[in-house]
PDB file of all heavy atoms in Angstrom:
ATOM      1  N   VAL A   1     134.219 160.214 129.264  1.00  0.00           N
ATOM      2  CA  VAL A   1     134.858 159.325 128.320  1.00  0.00           C
ATOM      3  C   VAL A   1     136.093 159.983 127.787  1.00  0.00           C
ATOM      4  O   VAL A   1     136.069 161.103 127.247  1.00  0.00           O
ATOM      5  CB  VAL A   1     133.908 159.047 127.092  1.00  0.00           C
ATOM      6  CG1 VAL A   1     134.627 158.157 126.087  1.00  0.00           C
ATOM      7  CG2 VAL A   1     132.617 158.342 127.585  1.00  0.00           C
ATOM      8  N   GLU A   2     137.252 159.320 128.032  1.00  0.00           N
ATOM      9  CA  GLU A   2     138.519 159.813 127.571  1.00  0.00           C
ATOM     10  C   GLU A   2     138.862 159.300 126.181  1.00  0.00           C
ATOM     11  O   GLU A   2     138.440 158.177 125.823  1.00  0.00           O
ATOM     12  CB  GLU A   2     139.677 159.373 128.493  1.00  0.00           C
ATOM     13  CG  GLU A   2     139.483 159.743 129.955  1.00  0.00           C
ATOM     14  CD  GLU A   2     138.847 158.669 130.780  1.00  0.00           C
ATOM     15  OE1 GLU A   2     138.129 157.806 130.210  1.00  0.00           O
ATOM     16  OE2 GLU A   2     139.069 158.650 131.998  1.00  0.00           O
ATOM     17  N   SER A   3     139.553 160.117 125.423  1.00  0.00           N
ATOM     18  CA  SER A   3     140.057 159.680 124.119  1.00  0.00           C
ATOM     19  C   SER A   3     141.362 160.432 123.812  1.00  0.00           C
ATOM     20  O   SER A   3     141.699 161.384 124.475  1.00  0.00           O
ATOM     21  CB  SER A   3     138.976 159.967 123.005  1.00  0.00           C
ATOM     22  OG  SER A   3     138.765 161.379 122.930  1.00  0.00           O
ATOM     23  N   GLY A   4     142.028 159.964 122.735  1.00  0.00           N
ATOM     24  CA  GLY A   4     143.220 160.679 122.308  1.00  0.00           C
ATOM     25  C   GLY A   4     144.555 159.990 122.681  1.00  0.00           C
ATOM     26  O   GLY A   4     145.623 160.432 122.288  1.00  0.00           O
ATOM     27  N   GLY A   5     144.480 158.906 123.445  1.00  0.00           N
ATOM     28  CA  GLY A   5     145.687 158.214 123.812  1.00  0.00           C
ATOM     29  C   GLY A   5     146.265 157.477 122.588  1.00  0.00           C
ATOM     30  O   GLY A   5     145.654 157.417 121.532  1.00  0.00           O
ATOM     31  N   GLY A   6     147.454 156.935 122.807  1.00  0.00           N
ATOM     32  CA  GLY A   6     148.079 156.192 121.699  1.00  0.00           C
ATOM     33  C   GLY A   6     149.580 156.002 121.953  1.00  0.00           C
ATOM     34  O   GLY A   6     150.075 156.250 123.068  1.00  0.00           O
ATOM     35  N   LEU A   7     150.259 155.604 120.889  1.00  0.00           N
ATOM     36  CA  LEU A   7     151.681 155.390 120.959  1.00  0.00           C
ATOM     37  C   LEU A   7     152.384 156.535 120.297  1.00  0.00           C
ATOM     38  O   LEU A   7     152.050 156.873 119.130  1.00  0.00           O
ATOM     39  CB  LEU A   7     152.032 154.045 120.273  1.00  0.00           C
ATOM     40  CG  LEU A   7     153.500 153.742 120.067  1.00  0.00           C
ATOM     41  CD1 LEU A   7     154.191 153.551 121.407  1.00  0.00           C
ATOM     42  CD2 LEU A   7     153.658 152.456 119.216  1.00  0.00           C
ATOM     43  N   VAL A   8     153.393 157.105 120.923  1.00  0.00           N
ATOM     44  CA  VAL A   8     154.124 158.217 120.358  1.00  0.00           C
ATOM     45  C   VAL A   8     155.599 158.121 120.789  1.00  0.00           C
ATOM     46  O   VAL A   8     155.910 157.504 121.820  1.00  0.00           O
ATOM     47  CB  VAL A   8     153.509 159.538 120.862  1.00  0.00           C
ATOM     48  CG1 VAL A   8     153.684 159.712 122.365  1.00  0.00           C
ATOM     49  CG2 VAL A   8     154.101 160.768 120.126  1.00  0.00           C
ATOM     50  N   GLN A   9     156.472 158.627 119.937  1.00  0.00           N
ATOM     51  CA  GLN A   9     157.887 158.633 120.262  1.00  0.00           C
ATOM     52  C   GLN A   9     158.210 159.713 121.270  1.00  0.00           C
ATOM     53  O   GLN A   9     157.490 160.757 121.342  1.00  0.00           O
ATOM     54  CB  GLN A   9     158.717 158.819 118.993  1.00  0.00           C
ATOM     55  CG  GLN A   9     158.710 157.611 118.071  1.00  0.00           C
ATOM     56  CD  GLN A   9     159.689 157.796 116.947  1.00  0.00           C
ATOM     57  OE1 GLN A   9     160.031 158.874 116.523  1.00  0.00           O
ATOM     58  NE2 GLN A   9     160.171 156.655 116.404  1.00  0.00           N
ATOM     59  N   ALA A  10     159.283 159.530 122.013  1.00  0.00           N
ATOM     60  CA  ALA A  10     159.711 160.528 122.942  1.00  0.00           C
ATOM     61  C   ALA A  10     159.914 161.864 122.205  1.00  0.00           C
ATOM     62  O   ALA A  10     160.473 161.884 121.103  1.00  0.00           O
ATOM     63  CB  ALA A  10     160.996 160.083 123.634  1.00  0.00           C
ATOM     64  N   GLY A  11     159.442 162.948 122.879  1.00  0.00           N
ATOM     65  CA  GLY A  11     159.540 164.239 122.245  1.00  0.00           C
ATOM     66  C   GLY A  11     158.290 164.659 121.507  1.00  0.00           C
ATOM     67  O   GLY A  11     158.141 165.813 121.106  1.00  0.00           O
ATOM     68  N   GLY A  12     157.420 163.694 121.264  1.00  0.00           N
ATOM     69  CA  GLY A  12     156.197 163.953 120.507  1.00  0.00           C
ATOM     70  C   GLY A  12     155.093 164.544 121.402  1.00  0.00           C
ATOM     71  O   GLY A  12     155.298 164.847 122.578  1.00  0.00           O
ATOM     72  N   SER A  13     153.925 164.669 120.800  1.00  0.00           N
ATOM     73  CA  SER A  13     152.797 165.280 121.473  1.00  0.00           C
ATOM     74  C   SER A  13     151.547 164.448 121.297  1.00  0.00           C
ATOM     75  O   SER A  13     151.381 163.733 120.287  1.00  0.00           O
ATOM     76  CB  SER A  13     152.520 166.706 120.907  1.00  0.00           C
ATOM     77  OG  SER A  13     153.580 167.542 121.101  1.00  0.00           O
ATOM     78  N   LEU A  14     150.637 164.544 122.282  1.00  0.00           N
ATOM     79  CA  LEU A  14     149.332 163.976 122.197  1.00  0.00           C
ATOM     80  C   LEU A  14     148.367 164.977 122.851  1.00  0.00           C
ATOM     81  O   LEU A  14     148.758 165.710 123.743  1.00  0.00           O
ATOM     82  CB  LEU A  14     149.228 162.653 122.932  1.00  0.00           C
ATOM     83  CG  LEU A  14     149.839 161.419 122.240  1.00  0.00           C
ATOM     84  CD1 LEU A  14     149.774 160.245 123.205  1.00  0.00           C
ATOM     85  CD2 LEU A  14     149.127 161.108 120.959  1.00  0.00           C
ATOM     86  N   ARG A  15     147.112 164.879 122.439  1.00  0.00           N
ATOM     87  CA  ARG A  15     146.097 165.699 123.067  1.00  0.00           C
ATOM     88  C   ARG A  15     144.970 164.783 123.536  1.00  0.00           C
ATOM     89  O   ARG A  15     144.335 164.116 122.693  1.00  0.00           O
ATOM     90  CB  ARG A  15     145.523 166.786 122.163  1.00  0.00           C
ATOM     91  CG  ARG A  15     144.571 167.725 122.909  1.00  0.00           C
ATOM     92  CD  ARG A  15     144.078 168.846 121.993  1.00  0.00           C
ATOM     93  NE  ARG A  15     143.171 168.386 120.992  1.00  0.00           N
ATOM     94  CZ  ARG A  15     142.491 169.213 120.184  1.00  0.00           C
ATOM     95  NH1 ARG A  15     142.684 170.534 120.274  1.00  0.00           N
ATOM     96  NH2 ARG A  15     141.648 168.737 119.293  1.00  0.00           N
ATOM     97  N   LEU A  16     144.790 164.693 124.824  1.00  0.00           N
ATOM     98  CA  LEU A  16     143.706 163.888 125.407  1.00  0.00           C
ATOM     99  C   LEU A  16     142.471 164.734 125.563  1.00  0.00           C
ATOM    100  O   LEU A  16     142.531 165.902 125.887  1.00  0.00           O
ATOM    101  CB  LEU A  16     144.126 163.327 126.774  1.00  0.00           C
ATOM    102  CG  LEU A  16     145.414 162.525 126.818  1.00  0.00           C
ATOM    103  CD1 LEU A  16     145.602 161.922 128.233  1.00  0.00           C
ATOM    104  CD2 LEU A  16     145.418 161.408 125.778  1.00  0.00           C
ATOM    105  N   SER A  17     141.351 164.073 125.371  1.00  0.00           N
ATOM    106  CA  SER A  17     140.063 164.749 125.479  1.00  0.00           C
ATOM    107  C   SER A  17     139.201 163.989 126.491  1.00  0.00           C
ATOM    108  O   SER A  17     139.191 162.765 126.467  1.00  0.00           O
ATOM    109  CB  SER A  17     139.341 164.818 124.155  1.00  0.00           C
ATOM    110  OG  SER A  17     138.064 165.408 124.266  1.00  0.00           O
ATOM    111  N   CYS A  18     138.518 164.723 127.309  1.00  0.00           N
ATOM    112  CA  CYS A  18     137.546 164.155 128.254  1.00  0.00           C
ATOM    113  C   CYS A  18     136.176 164.730 127.896  1.00  0.00           C
ATOM    114  O   CYS A  18     135.978 165.919 128.121  1.00  0.00           O
ATOM    115  CB  CYS A  18     137.964 164.523 129.684  1.00  0.00           C
ATOM    116  SG  CYS A  18     136.779 163.995 130.968  1.00  0.00           S
ATOM    117  N   ALA A  19     135.344 163.912 127.380  1.00  0.00           N
ATOM    118  CA  ALA A  19     134.026 164.315 126.975  1.00  0.00           C
ATOM    119  C   ALA A  19     133.024 163.931 128.070  1.00  0.00           C
ATOM    120  O   ALA A  19     133.033 162.796 128.525  1.00  0.00           O
ATOM    121  CB  ALA A  19     133.588 163.693 125.649  1.00  0.00           C
ATOM    122  N   ALA A  20     132.230 164.852 128.489  1.00  0.00           N
ATOM    123  CA  ALA A  20     131.284 164.635 129.590  1.00  0.00           C
ATOM    124  C   ALA A  20     129.850 164.759 129.155  1.00  0.00           C
ATOM    125  O   ALA A  20     129.506 165.574 128.304  1.00  0.00           O
ATOM    126  CB  ALA A  20     131.574 165.617 130.730  1.00  0.00           C
ATOM    127  N   SER A  21     129.047 163.974 129.785  1.00  0.00           N
ATOM    128  CA  SER A  21     127.556 164.137 129.613  1.00  0.00           C
ATOM    129  C   SER A  21     127.002 164.372 130.980  1.00  0.00           C
ATOM    130  O   SER A  21     127.548 163.933 131.972  1.00  0.00           O
ATOM    131  CB  SER A  21     126.963 162.856 129.009  1.00  0.00           C
ATOM    132  OG  SER A  21     127.188 161.733 129.844  1.00  0.00           O
ATOM    133  N   GLY A  22     125.890 165.092 131.039  1.00  0.00           N
ATOM    134  CA  GLY A  22     125.354 165.430 132.324  1.00  0.00           C
ATOM    135  C   GLY A  22     125.350 166.930 132.521  1.00  0.00           C
ATOM    136  O   GLY A  22     126.317 167.619 132.214  1.00  0.00           O
ATOM    137  N   ARG A  23     124.290 167.469 132.987  1.00  0.00           N
ATOM    138  CA  ARG A  23     124.119 168.878 133.057  1.00  0.00           C
ATOM    139  C   ARG A  23     124.944 169.577 134.111  1.00  0.00           C
ATOM    140  O   ARG A  23     125.061 170.804 134.170  1.00  0.00           O
ATOM    141  CB  ARG A  23     122.632 169.251 133.272  1.00  0.00           C
ATOM    142  CG  ARG A  23     122.087 168.677 134.575  1.00  0.00           C
ATOM    143  CD  ARG A  23     120.621 169.063 134.764  1.00  0.00           C
ATOM    144  NE  ARG A  23     120.057 168.595 135.996  1.00  0.00           N
ATOM    145  CZ  ARG A  23     118.844 168.839 136.372  1.00  0.00           C
ATOM    146  NH1 ARG A  23     118.050 169.569 135.638  1.00  0.00           N
ATOM    147  NH2 ARG A  23     118.408 168.403 137.550  1.00  0.00           N
ATOM    148  N   THR A  24     125.590 168.792 135.011  1.00  0.00           N
ATOM    149  CA  THR A  24     126.355 169.461 136.070  1.00  0.00           C
ATOM    150  C   THR A  24     127.833 169.607 135.719  1.00  0.00           C
ATOM    151  O   THR A  24     128.610 170.107 136.506  1.00  0.00           O
ATOM    152  CB  THR A  24     126.274 168.615 137.369  1.00  0.00           C
ATOM    153  OG1 THR A  24     126.816 167.303 137.152  1.00  0.00           O
ATOM    154  CG2 THR A  24     124.831 168.477 137.840  1.00  0.00           C
ATOM    155  N   PHE A  25     128.229 169.234 134.483  1.00  0.00           N
ATOM    156  CA  PHE A  25     129.637 169.302 134.163  1.00  0.00           C
ATOM    157  C   PHE A  25     130.174 170.704 134.231  1.00  0.00           C
ATOM    158  O   PHE A  25     131.329 170.938 134.703  1.00  0.00           O
ATOM    159  CB  PHE A  25     129.878 168.693 132.782  1.00  0.00           C
ATOM    160  CG  PHE A  25     131.354 168.670 132.417  1.00  0.00           C
ATOM    161  CD1 PHE A  25     132.200 167.776 133.017  1.00  0.00           C
ATOM    162  CD2 PHE A  25     131.844 169.576 131.470  1.00  0.00           C
ATOM    163  CE1 PHE A  25     133.546 167.757 132.679  1.00  0.00           C
ATOM    164  CE2 PHE A  25     133.203 169.536 131.126  1.00  0.00           C
ATOM    165  CZ  PHE A  25     134.033 168.626 131.760  1.00  0.00           C
ATOM    166  N   SER A  26     129.417 171.671 133.806  1.00  0.00           N
ATOM    167  CA  SER A  26     129.941 173.053 133.810  1.00  0.00           C
ATOM    168  C   SER A  26     130.136 173.533 135.239  1.00  0.00           C
ATOM    169  O   SER A  26     130.866 174.524 135.440  1.00  0.00           O
ATOM    170  CB  SER A  26     128.936 173.973 133.089  1.00  0.00           C
ATOM    171  OG  SER A  26     127.679 173.965 133.699  1.00  0.00           O
ATOM    172  N   ASN A  27     129.555 172.870 136.213  1.00  0.00           N
ATOM    173  CA  ASN A  27     129.764 173.215 137.638  1.00  0.00           C
ATOM    174  C   ASN A  27     130.733 172.266 138.317  1.00  0.00           C
ATOM    175  O   ASN A  27     130.769 172.225 139.567  1.00  0.00           O
ATOM    176  CB  ASN A  27     128.431 173.196 138.380  1.00  0.00           C
ATOM    177  CG  ASN A  27     127.490 174.269 137.851  1.00  0.00           C
ATOM    178  OD1 ASN A  27     127.940 175.368 137.494  1.00  0.00           O
ATOM    179  ND2 ASN A  27     126.226 173.952 137.778  1.00  0.00           N
ATOM    180  N   SER A  28     131.500 171.511 137.548  1.00  0.00           N
ATOM    181  CA  SER A  28     132.361 170.517 138.105  1.00  0.00           C
ATOM    182  C   SER A  28     133.866 170.895 137.924  1.00  0.00           C
ATOM    183  O   SER A  28     134.221 171.343 136.851  1.00  0.00           O
ATOM    184  CB  SER A  28     132.112 169.142 137.427  1.00  0.00           C
ATOM    185  OG  SER A  28     130.806 168.699 137.629  1.00  0.00           O
ATOM    186  N   ALA A  29     134.612 170.664 138.968  1.00  0.00           N
ATOM    187  CA  ALA A  29     136.101 170.714 138.863  1.00  0.00           C
ATOM    188  C   ALA A  29     136.515 169.431 138.213  1.00  0.00           C
ATOM    189  O   ALA A  29     135.927 168.374 138.423  1.00  0.00           O
ATOM    190  CB  ALA A  29     136.731 170.890 140.213  1.00  0.00           C
ATOM    191  N   VAL A  30     137.562 169.499 137.429  1.00  0.00           N
ATOM    192  CA  VAL A  30     138.011 168.341 136.638  1.00  0.00           C
ATOM    193  C   VAL A  30     139.506 168.144 136.818  1.00  0.00           C
ATOM    194  O   VAL A  30     140.297 169.077 136.900  1.00  0.00           O
ATOM    195  CB  VAL A  30     137.714 168.485 135.145  1.00  0.00           C
ATOM    196  CG1 VAL A  30     138.216 167.313 134.305  1.00  0.00           C
ATOM    197  CG2 VAL A  30     136.191 168.675 134.936  1.00  0.00           C
ATOM    198  N   GLY A  31     139.892 166.878 136.867  1.00  0.00           N
ATOM    199  CA  GLY A  31     141.297 166.532 136.960  1.00  0.00           C
ATOM    200  C   GLY A  31     141.689 165.414 136.018  1.00  0.00           C
ATOM    201  O   GLY A  31     140.858 164.608 135.615  1.00  0.00           O
ATOM    202  N   TRP A  32     142.933 165.391 135.656  1.00  0.00           N
ATOM    203  CA  TRP A  32     143.522 164.276 134.919  1.00  0.00           C
ATOM    204  C   TRP A  32     144.512 163.561 135.861  1.00  0.00           C
ATOM    205  O   TRP A  32     145.365 164.240 136.469  1.00  0.00           O
ATOM    206  CB  TRP A  32     144.289 164.757 133.677  1.00  0.00           C
ATOM    207  CG  TRP A  32     143.421 165.107 132.525  1.00  0.00           C
ATOM    208  CD1 TRP A  32     142.992 166.334 132.122  1.00  0.00           C
ATOM    209  CD2 TRP A  32     142.876 164.207 131.548  1.00  0.00           C
ATOM    210  NE1 TRP A  32     142.222 166.259 131.015  1.00  0.00           N
ATOM    211  CE2 TRP A  32     142.155 164.947 130.600  1.00  0.00           C
ATOM    212  CE3 TRP A  32     142.941 162.825 131.367  1.00  0.00           C
ATOM    213  CZ2 TRP A  32     141.477 164.362 129.541  1.00  0.00           C
ATOM    214  CZ3 TRP A  32     142.327 162.226 130.289  1.00  0.00           C
ATOM    215  CH2 TRP A  32     141.564 163.002 129.384  1.00  0.00           C
ATOM    216  N   PHE A  33     144.360 162.259 135.906  1.00  0.00           N
ATOM    217  CA  PHE A  33     145.249 161.436 136.708  1.00  0.00           C
ATOM    218  C   PHE A  33     145.875 160.377 135.805  1.00  0.00           C
ATOM    219  O   PHE A  33     145.393 160.133 134.698  1.00  0.00           O
ATOM    220  CB  PHE A  33     144.435 160.732 137.848  1.00  0.00           C
ATOM    221  CG  PHE A  33     143.921 161.680 138.882  1.00  0.00           C
ATOM    222  CD1 PHE A  33     142.791 162.423 138.647  1.00  0.00           C
ATOM    223  CD2 PHE A  33     144.559 161.784 140.078  1.00  0.00           C
ATOM    224  CE1 PHE A  33     142.299 163.295 139.623  1.00  0.00           C
ATOM    225  CE2 PHE A  33     144.110 162.641 141.088  1.00  0.00           C
ATOM    226  CZ  PHE A  33     142.939 163.392 140.838  1.00  0.00           C
ATOM    227  N   ARG A  34     146.917 159.760 136.289  1.00  0.00           N
ATOM    228  CA  ARG A  34     147.511 158.676 135.527  1.00  0.00           C
ATOM    229  C   ARG A  34     148.003 157.602 136.448  1.00  0.00           C
ATOM    230  O   ARG A  34     148.319 157.870 137.633  1.00  0.00           O
ATOM    231  CB  ARG A  34     148.640 159.151 134.640  1.00  0.00           C
ATOM    232  CG  ARG A  34     149.888 159.667 135.385  1.00  0.00           C
ATOM    233  CD  ARG A  34     150.903 160.254 134.394  1.00  0.00           C
ATOM    234  NE  ARG A  34     152.121 160.737 135.047  1.00  0.00           N
ATOM    235  CZ  ARG A  34     153.059 161.414 134.442  1.00  0.00           C
ATOM    236  NH1 ARG A  34     152.938 161.729 133.117  1.00  0.00           N
ATOM    237  NH2 ARG A  34     154.151 161.823 135.105  1.00  0.00           N
ATOM    238  N   GLN A  35     148.086 156.404 135.924  1.00  0.00           N
ATOM    239  CA  GLN A  35     148.576 155.272 136.705  1.00  0.00           C
ATOM    240  C   GLN A  35     149.427 154.382 135.797  1.00  0.00           C
ATOM    241  O   GLN A  35     148.922 153.856 134.787  1.00  0.00           O
ATOM    242  CB  GLN A  35     147.459 154.493 137.331  1.00  0.00           C
ATOM    243  CG  GLN A  35     147.972 153.422 138.303  1.00  0.00           C
ATOM    244  CD  GLN A  35     146.871 152.872 139.189  1.00  0.00           C
ATOM    245  OE1 GLN A  35     145.672 152.965 138.873  1.00  0.00           O
ATOM    246  NE2 GLN A  35     147.245 152.264 140.316  1.00  0.00           N
ATOM    247  N   ALA A  36     150.681 154.229 136.155  1.00  0.00           N
ATOM    248  CA  ALA A  36     151.585 153.347 135.435  1.00  0.00           C
ATOM    249  C   ALA A  36     151.609 152.003 136.099  1.00  0.00           C
ATOM    250  O   ALA A  36     151.334 151.881 137.304  1.00  0.00           O
ATOM    251  CB  ALA A  36     152.986 153.958 135.419  1.00  0.00           C
ATOM    252  N   PRO A  37     151.985 150.974 135.401  1.00  0.00           N
ATOM    253  CA  PRO A  37     152.028 149.627 136.011  1.00  0.00           C
ATOM    254  C   PRO A  37     152.924 149.589 137.261  1.00  0.00           C
ATOM    255  O   PRO A  37     154.042 150.068 137.224  1.00  0.00           O
ATOM    256  CB  PRO A  37     152.622 148.780 134.893  1.00  0.00           C
ATOM    257  CG  PRO A  37     152.280 149.483 133.618  1.00  0.00           C
ATOM    258  CD  PRO A  37     152.322 150.935 133.969  1.00  0.00           C
ATOM    259  N   GLY A  38     152.366 149.047 138.306  1.00  0.00           N
ATOM    260  CA  GLY A  38     153.137 148.907 139.548  1.00  0.00           C
ATOM    261  C   GLY A  38     153.293 150.226 140.334  1.00  0.00           C
ATOM    262  O   GLY A  38     153.977 150.231 141.375  1.00  0.00           O
TER     263      GLY A  38
END
């Protein structure tokens, strides 16, 4: 479950969080991806 997104002005900062459930998370590689319209 991702959280932390929002609207920010250019030059600003945000911190995204990915919260995981499941006992195998500590053995998992993790990535952040993004997709813009089009």
